[in-house]
Amino acid sequence: MSILRGRLAPSPTGSQHVGNARTYLLAWLSARSQGGEVVLRMEDIDVWRNKPDAAAQALDDLRWLGLDWDGEAVVQSTRLPEHEAALAELQRLELVYPCTCSRNDIASAASAPHAEHEGPTYPGTCAHRKVADAATLDRPYSWRFRVTDTPAYFDRFQGLVELDLQKLGGDFVVWRAAKVPAYQLAVVVDDAAAGITEVVRGDDLTPSTPRQLLIYKALGLAPPRFAHAPLVVGENGQRLAKRHGDTRLSSLREAGVKPEALLGLLAWSCGWLPEAEPISAKELIPLFRWESVPKEPFVLRSAMLELVGFTSASAAIS
């Protein structure tokens, strides 16, 4: 039997925060508790959004938490030839088409908006095109994947997931007009190349999974199993973001917070400890249980961070 392989995939578009830490902890513990390996990949293909030193800071944050990985870290932007080869295969199969629509074009054609991170449904304006039509276009274009169905899948945490991609954006971009791969294509190619068998991530990415399953199938690749965990939200119910300075791991480190204190808080939030008490990542391995993790988002309150020794936690998470 092949060994389980999970992964950690930080993005250097800003500082890692407590919400990221909880998801990384879940991913790391799920793999390590099964005797599996953990791959680290820096997802930096959004080059225009990357922040200076954010990649190095993310690695420092993971080391501070005690979340190790196996082998050398993979830098996603160095894998462009593999991404291009996957796009070429989708083109050969006529599963993608060149699209010249701007975001404004799509928004104006949409009958109603959808979830914030999904955007309006693509109206199919360019769906009549074939791959060969790209040679005749005199304006920038992206490549869209043709959605003909939505594969259901079993989520390790959520159970059976059945979505309708036609209601969640329709045909989706796999290659941007900026000549770089979109997230959906790059993550499939990179996870498959790394032999990833388990993907643990936040449930805001649940709608990405059927899209990625379509790409796995098209490229003849074996998909991993997925687990989408609830996010960490602030006291106002909004999910934590990298703009929340007082929840940045770098801020906690600089303030002298012990990683064991934060891990104890996160372990308590996942139901592995009866109260928040200091504990190391390795000590949590035998305590890890998916069944103990609450189904609802974890509300991070200022008093919780003050309890672990961070005295400047009052503003940004409210």
Protein backbone atom coordinates (compact mmCIF):
# COMPACT_ATOMS: atom_id res chain seq x y z
CA MET A 1 0.00 0.00 0.00
CA SER A 2 1.35 3.45 -0.94
CA ILE A 3 1.96 5.92 1.86
CA LEU A 4 -0.50 8.74 2.46
CA ARG A 5 0.77 12.15 1.36
CA GLY A 6 -0.75 15.38 2.56
CA ARG A 7 0.40 18.90 1.91
CA LEU A 8 0.72 22.43 3.23
CA ALA A 9 0.26 25.12 0.57
CA PRO A 10 0.74 28.67 1.87
CA SER A 11 0.41 31.62 -0.46
CA PRO A 12 2.86 34.55 -0.13
CA THR A 13 0.18 37.17 -0.83
CA GLY A 14 0.31 38.37 2.77
CA SER A 15 0.97 37.31 6.33
CA GLN A 16 -0.27 33.96 7.64
CA HIS A 17 -2.84 34.31 10.41
CA VAL A 18 -4.48 32.21 13.12
CA GLY A 19 -7.08 30.90 10.68
CA ASN A 20 -4.33 29.63 8.38
CA ALA A 21 -2.62 28.04 11.36
CA ARG A 22 -5.73 26.06 12.31
CA THR A 23 -6.12 24.70 8.78
CA TYR A 24 -2.41 23.85 8.52
CA LEU A 25 -2.62 22.08 11.87
CA LEU A 26 -5.58 19.99 10.70
CA ALA A 27 -3.78 19.07 7.47
CA TRP A 28 -0.53 18.21 9.23
CA LEU A 29 -2.14 16.19 12.00
CA SER A 30 -4.37 14.29 9.59
CA ALA A 31 -1.33 13.15 7.62
CA ARG A 32 1.01 12.50 10.56
CA SER A 33 -1.63 10.63 12.57
CA GLN A 34 -1.88 8.18 9.67
CA GLY A 35 1.88 7.76 9.39
CA GLY A 36 1.86 9.88 6.24
CA GLU A 37 4.21 12.37 4.65
CA VAL A 38 3.68 16.11 4.30
CA VAL A 39 4.70 18.09 1.22
CA LEU A 40 5.21 21.86 1.32
CA ARG A 41 4.33 23.92 -1.74
CA MET A 42 4.57 27.71 -1.96
CA GLU A 43 1.64 28.79 -4.15
CA ASP A 44 3.09 31.94 -5.69
CA ILE A 45 1.59 32.06 -9.18
CA ASP A 46 -0.31 35.26 -8.34
CA VAL A 47 2.93 37.15 -8.87
CA TRP A 48 1.27 40.57 -8.90
CA ARG A 49 -0.23 39.90 -5.45
CA ASN A 50 2.83 38.41 -3.78
CA LYS A 51 4.31 40.45 -0.94
CA PRO A 52 8.05 40.86 -0.34
CA ASP A 53 9.41 38.40 2.23
CA ALA A 54 5.97 36.79 2.70
CA ALA A 55 7.21 33.38 1.52
CA ALA A 56 10.10 33.34 3.98
CA GLN A 57 7.79 34.56 6.74
CA ALA A 58 5.33 31.72 6.01
CA LEU A 59 8.11 29.16 6.39
CA ASP A 60 9.16 30.77 9.68
CA ASP A 61 5.53 30.62 10.87
CA LEU A 62 5.26 26.90 10.08
CA ARG A 63 8.56 26.14 11.80
CA TRP A 64 7.43 28.17 14.82
CA LEU A 65 4.28 26.08 15.03
CA GLY A 66 6.32 22.89 14.83
CA LEU A 67 4.74 21.79 11.54
CA ASP A 68 7.51 20.11 9.57
CA TRP A 69 7.49 18.73 6.04
CA ASP A 70 9.25 16.05 4.04
CA GLY A 71 11.77 16.92 1.33
CA GLU A 72 12.45 20.28 -0.26
CA ALA A 73 9.71 22.88 -0.55
CA VAL A 74 8.16 23.17 -4.02
CA VAL A 75 7.77 26.64 -5.53
CA GLN A 76 4.74 26.64 -7.78
CA SER A 77 5.96 29.32 -10.19
CA THR A 78 8.92 27.13 -11.19
CA ARG A 79 6.54 24.52 -12.59
CA LEU A 80 5.20 26.56 -15.50
CA PRO A 81 6.29 23.99 -18.17
CA GLU A 82 4.19 21.30 -16.45
CA HIS A 83 1.22 23.65 -16.29
CA GLU A 84 1.63 24.50 -19.98
CA ALA A 85 1.71 20.81 -20.87
CA ALA A 86 -1.56 20.24 -19.03
CA LEU A 87 -3.18 23.16 -20.85
CA ALA A 88 -1.98 21.75 -24.17
CA GLU A 89 -3.64 18.42 -23.36
CA LEU A 90 -6.93 20.14 -22.52
CA GLN A 91 -6.66 22.04 -25.80
CA ARG A 92 -6.02 18.81 -27.71
CA LEU A 93 -9.20 17.38 -26.22
CA GLU A 94 -11.17 20.58 -27.04
CA LEU A 95 -12.18 20.82 -23.39
CA VAL A 96 -11.19 24.49 -23.21
CA TYR A 97 -11.83 27.50 -25.39
CA PRO A 98 -10.35 31.01 -25.70
CA CYS A 99 -12.43 33.63 -23.90
CA THR A 100 -12.08 37.38 -24.47
CA CYS A 101 -14.69 38.42 -21.89
CA SER A 102 -13.65 40.81 -19.15
CA ARG A 103 -14.96 40.60 -15.62
CA ASN A 104 -17.25 43.53 -16.38
CA ASP A 105 -18.63 41.72 -19.43
CA ILE A 106 -19.50 38.71 -17.29
CA ALA A 107 -21.01 40.81 -14.51
CA SER A 108 -23.23 42.77 -16.90
CA ALA A 109 -24.55 39.56 -18.46
CA ALA A 110 -25.28 37.84 -15.15
CA SER A 111 -28.85 37.69 -13.96
CA ALA A 112 -27.89 37.59 -10.29
CA PRO A 113 -24.72 37.64 -8.19
CA HIS A 114 -23.52 34.56 -6.39
CA ALA A 115 -21.25 33.94 -3.43
CA GLU A 116 -18.57 36.55 -2.92
CA HIS A 117 -15.70 34.29 -3.91
CA GLU A 118 -17.55 32.77 -6.86
CA GLY A 119 -18.71 35.79 -8.79
CA PRO A 120 -21.50 35.75 -11.38
CA THR A 121 -22.20 32.79 -13.65
CA TYR A 122 -20.33 32.93 -16.93
CA PRO A 123 -22.98 33.42 -19.65
CA GLY A 124 -21.20 31.34 -22.29
CA THR A 125 -20.45 34.27 -24.58
CA CYS A 126 -17.32 32.65 -26.03
CA ALA A 127 -18.31 29.00 -25.61
CA HIS A 128 -18.94 28.61 -29.36
CA ARG A 129 -15.22 28.97 -30.04
CA LYS A 130 -12.81 26.16 -30.83
CA VAL A 131 -9.17 25.99 -29.77
CA ALA A 132 -8.03 26.97 -33.26
CA ASP A 133 -9.95 30.24 -33.02
CA ALA A 134 -7.31 31.56 -30.62
CA ALA A 135 -5.02 32.22 -33.60
CA THR A 136 -7.54 34.67 -35.05
CA LEU A 137 -8.03 36.78 -31.92
CA ASP A 138 -6.47 40.23 -31.74
CA ARG A 139 -7.13 40.90 -28.07
CA PRO A 140 -6.06 39.20 -24.82
CA TYR A 141 -7.88 36.01 -23.94
CA SER A 142 -8.03 33.43 -21.20
CA TRP A 143 -8.82 29.73 -21.52
CA ARG A 144 -12.06 28.42 -20.03
CA PHE A 145 -12.91 24.82 -19.20
CA ARG A 146 -16.24 23.55 -20.55
CA VAL A 147 -18.46 22.44 -17.67
CA THR A 148 -20.87 19.72 -18.72
CA ASP A 149 -21.59 18.19 -15.33
CA THR A 150 -20.71 18.50 -11.65
CA PRO A 151 -19.15 15.43 -10.09
CA ALA A 152 -20.34 14.61 -6.59
CA TYR A 153 -17.66 13.57 -4.13
CA PHE A 154 -17.28 12.34 -0.57
CA ASP A 155 -15.64 14.86 1.73
CA ARG A 156 -13.80 13.39 4.72
CA PHE A 157 -15.31 16.08 6.96
CA GLN A 158 -18.53 17.17 5.23
CA GLY A 159 -19.72 13.83 3.86
CA LEU A 160 -21.35 13.64 0.42
CA VAL A 161 -21.06 16.95 -1.45
CA GLU A 162 -23.31 17.62 -4.43
CA LEU A 163 -23.06 21.06 -6.04
CA ASP A 164 -24.20 22.57 -9.31
CA LEU A 165 -21.31 24.25 -11.09
CA GLN A 166 -23.69 25.90 -13.54
CA LYS A 167 -25.06 27.85 -10.58
CA LEU A 168 -21.57 28.45 -9.17
CA GLY A 169 -19.96 30.23 -12.10
CA GLY A 170 -20.34 27.82 -15.02
CA ASP A 171 -17.36 27.43 -17.35
CA PHE A 172 -14.27 28.43 -15.40
CA VAL A 173 -10.85 29.88 -16.24
CA VAL A 174 -7.88 27.51 -16.20
CA TRP A 175 -5.39 29.85 -17.87
CA ARG A 176 -5.31 33.60 -17.46
CA ALA A 177 -4.86 36.24 -20.10
CA ALA A 178 -1.69 37.16 -18.22
CA LYS A 179 -0.16 33.91 -19.57
CA VAL A 180 -0.13 32.12 -16.21
CA PRO A 181 -2.21 29.18 -14.97
CA ALA A 182 -5.25 29.76 -12.83
CA TYR A 183 -5.48 28.15 -9.40
CA GLN A 184 -7.77 25.32 -10.50
CA LEU A 185 -5.34 23.96 -13.11
CA ALA A 186 -2.09 24.60 -11.24
CA VAL A 187 -3.20 22.92 -8.03
CA VAL A 188 -4.35 19.77 -9.86
CA VAL A 189 -1.13 19.45 -11.84
CA ASP A 190 1.06 20.10 -8.80
CA ASP A 191 -0.83 17.83 -6.40
CA ALA A 192 -0.78 14.99 -8.93
CA ALA A 193 2.94 15.44 -9.61
CA ALA A 194 3.69 15.37 -5.87
CA GLY A 195 1.63 12.22 -5.35
CA ILE A 196 -0.74 13.97 -2.96
CA THR A 197 -3.42 11.58 -1.71
CA GLU A 198 -5.15 13.85 0.82
CA VAL A 199 -6.01 17.54 0.60
CA VAL A 200 -7.16 19.34 3.75
CA ARG A 201 -8.18 22.98 3.34
CA GLY A 202 -10.76 25.57 4.39
CA ASP A 203 -14.39 25.07 3.43
CA ASP A 204 -14.36 28.30 1.43
CA LEU A 205 -12.67 26.17 -1.24
CA THR A 206 -15.40 23.51 -1.30
CA PRO A 207 -16.75 24.75 -4.67
CA SER A 208 -13.27 24.37 -6.17
CA THR A 209 -13.30 20.61 -5.68
CA PRO A 210 -15.78 19.57 -8.42
CA ARG A 211 -13.92 21.84 -10.84
CA GLN A 212 -10.65 20.16 -9.94
CA LEU A 213 -12.23 16.72 -10.24
CA LEU A 214 -13.22 17.58 -13.80
CA ILE A 215 -9.61 18.48 -14.57
CA TYR A 216 -8.29 15.32 -12.89
CA LYS A 217 -10.62 13.25 -15.06
CA ALA A 218 -9.75 15.13 -18.24
CA LEU A 219 -6.02 14.64 -17.68
CA GLY A 220 -6.37 11.01 -16.64
CA LEU A 221 -5.04 11.69 -13.14
CA ALA A 222 -6.06 10.06 -9.87
CA PRO A 223 -7.61 12.63 -7.50
CA PRO A 224 -6.81 12.80 -3.78
CA ARG A 225 -9.46 12.58 -1.11
CA PHE A 226 -10.61 15.91 0.25
CA ALA A 227 -11.51 17.35 3.64
CA HIS A 228 -12.82 20.90 3.96
CA ALA A 229 -12.77 22.31 7.47
CA PRO A 230 -14.71 25.29 8.87
CA LEU A 231 -12.92 28.61 8.88
CA VAL A 232 -11.91 30.82 11.76
CA VAL A 233 -14.02 33.98 11.95
CA GLY A 234 -13.86 37.17 13.96
CA GLU A 235 -16.39 38.34 16.51
CA ASN A 236 -18.34 40.01 13.70
CA GLY A 237 -18.74 36.67 11.93
CA GLN A 238 -16.42 37.61 9.06
CA ARG A 239 -13.67 35.17 8.21
CA LEU A 240 -10.17 36.15 9.24
CA ALA A 241 -8.09 37.68 6.47
CA LYS A 242 -4.46 38.61 6.08
CA ARG A 243 -5.43 42.23 6.67
CA HIS A 244 -6.27 41.38 10.30
CA GLY A 245 -2.96 42.47 11.76
CA ASP A 246 -3.67 41.32 15.28
CA THR A 247 -4.17 37.73 14.14
CA ARG A 248 -0.95 37.48 12.14
CA LEU A 249 1.33 34.71 13.32
CA SER A 250 4.30 37.02 12.89
CA SER A 251 2.68 39.47 15.31
CA LEU A 252 2.19 36.72 17.87
CA ARG A 253 5.78 35.55 17.47
CA GLU A 254 7.15 39.05 17.84
CA ALA A 255 5.04 39.56 20.98
CA GLY A 256 6.66 36.52 22.58
CA VAL A 257 3.62 34.21 22.42
CA LYS A 258 4.68 30.59 22.82
CA PRO A 259 3.62 28.34 19.95
CA GLU A 260 2.44 25.71 22.42
CA ALA A 261 -0.02 28.24 23.87
CA LEU A 262 -1.56 28.97 20.46
CA LEU A 263 -1.62 25.27 19.56
CA GLY A 264 -3.43 24.56 22.81
CA LEU A 265 -6.09 27.12 21.91
CA LEU A 266 -6.49 25.63 18.43
CA ALA A 267 -6.60 22.09 19.82
CA TRP A 268 -9.34 23.15 22.25
CA SER A 269 -11.26 24.72 19.35
CA CYS A 270 -11.10 21.37 17.55
CA GLY A 271 -12.36 19.41 20.55
CA TRP A 272 -9.11 17.57 21.30
CA LEU A 273 -8.52 19.23 24.67
CA PRO A 274 -11.07 19.99 27.41
CA GLU A 275 -9.48 23.40 27.89
CA ALA A 276 -6.86 25.54 26.18
CA GLU A 277 -3.54 24.48 27.66
CA PRO A 278 -0.04 24.55 26.15
CA ILE A 279 0.81 21.56 23.97
CA SER A 280 3.15 20.83 21.07
CA ALA A 281 2.15 19.75 17.58
CA LYS A 282 3.75 16.33 18.05
CA GLU A 283 1.90 15.81 21.32
CA LEU A 284 -1.36 16.39 19.44
CA ILE A 285 -0.81 13.55 16.96
CA PRO A 286 -2.38 10.82 19.13
CA LEU A 287 -5.24 13.18 20.10
CA PHE A 288 -6.27 14.02 16.53
CA ARG A 289 -9.83 13.04 15.58
CA TRP A 290 -11.86 14.44 12.69
CA GLU A 291 -14.99 13.45 14.57
CA SER A 292 -14.20 15.93 17.36
CA VAL A 293 -13.94 19.00 15.12
CA PRO A 294 -17.08 21.20 15.35
CA LYS A 295 -19.03 21.69 12.13
CA GLU A 296 -19.47 25.42 12.61
CA PRO A 297 -16.77 28.12 12.18
CA PHE A 298 -14.54 28.85 15.15
CA VAL A 299 -15.17 32.36 16.51
CA LEU A 300 -11.85 33.82 17.60
CA ARG A 301 -12.32 36.38 20.35
CA SER A 302 -9.81 38.93 21.58
CA ALA A 303 -9.90 37.43 25.07
CA MET A 304 -8.74 34.09 23.65
CA LEU A 305 -5.56 35.57 22.23
CA GLU A 306 -5.02 37.55 25.40
CA LEU A 307 -5.28 34.27 27.28
CA VAL A 308 -2.36 32.82 25.30
CA GLY A 309 -0.25 35.88 26.06
CA PHE A 310 -1.00 38.27 23.20
CA THR A 311 -1.99 41.55 24.83
CA SER A 312 -2.59 43.51 21.61
CA ALA A 313 -5.48 41.41 20.32
CA SER A 314 -8.38 43.75 20.94
CA ALA A 315 -8.80 45.64 17.66
CA ALA A 316 -8.44 43.65 14.48
CA ILE A 317 -10.66 40.64 15.07
CA SER A 318 -13.74 42.47 16.28
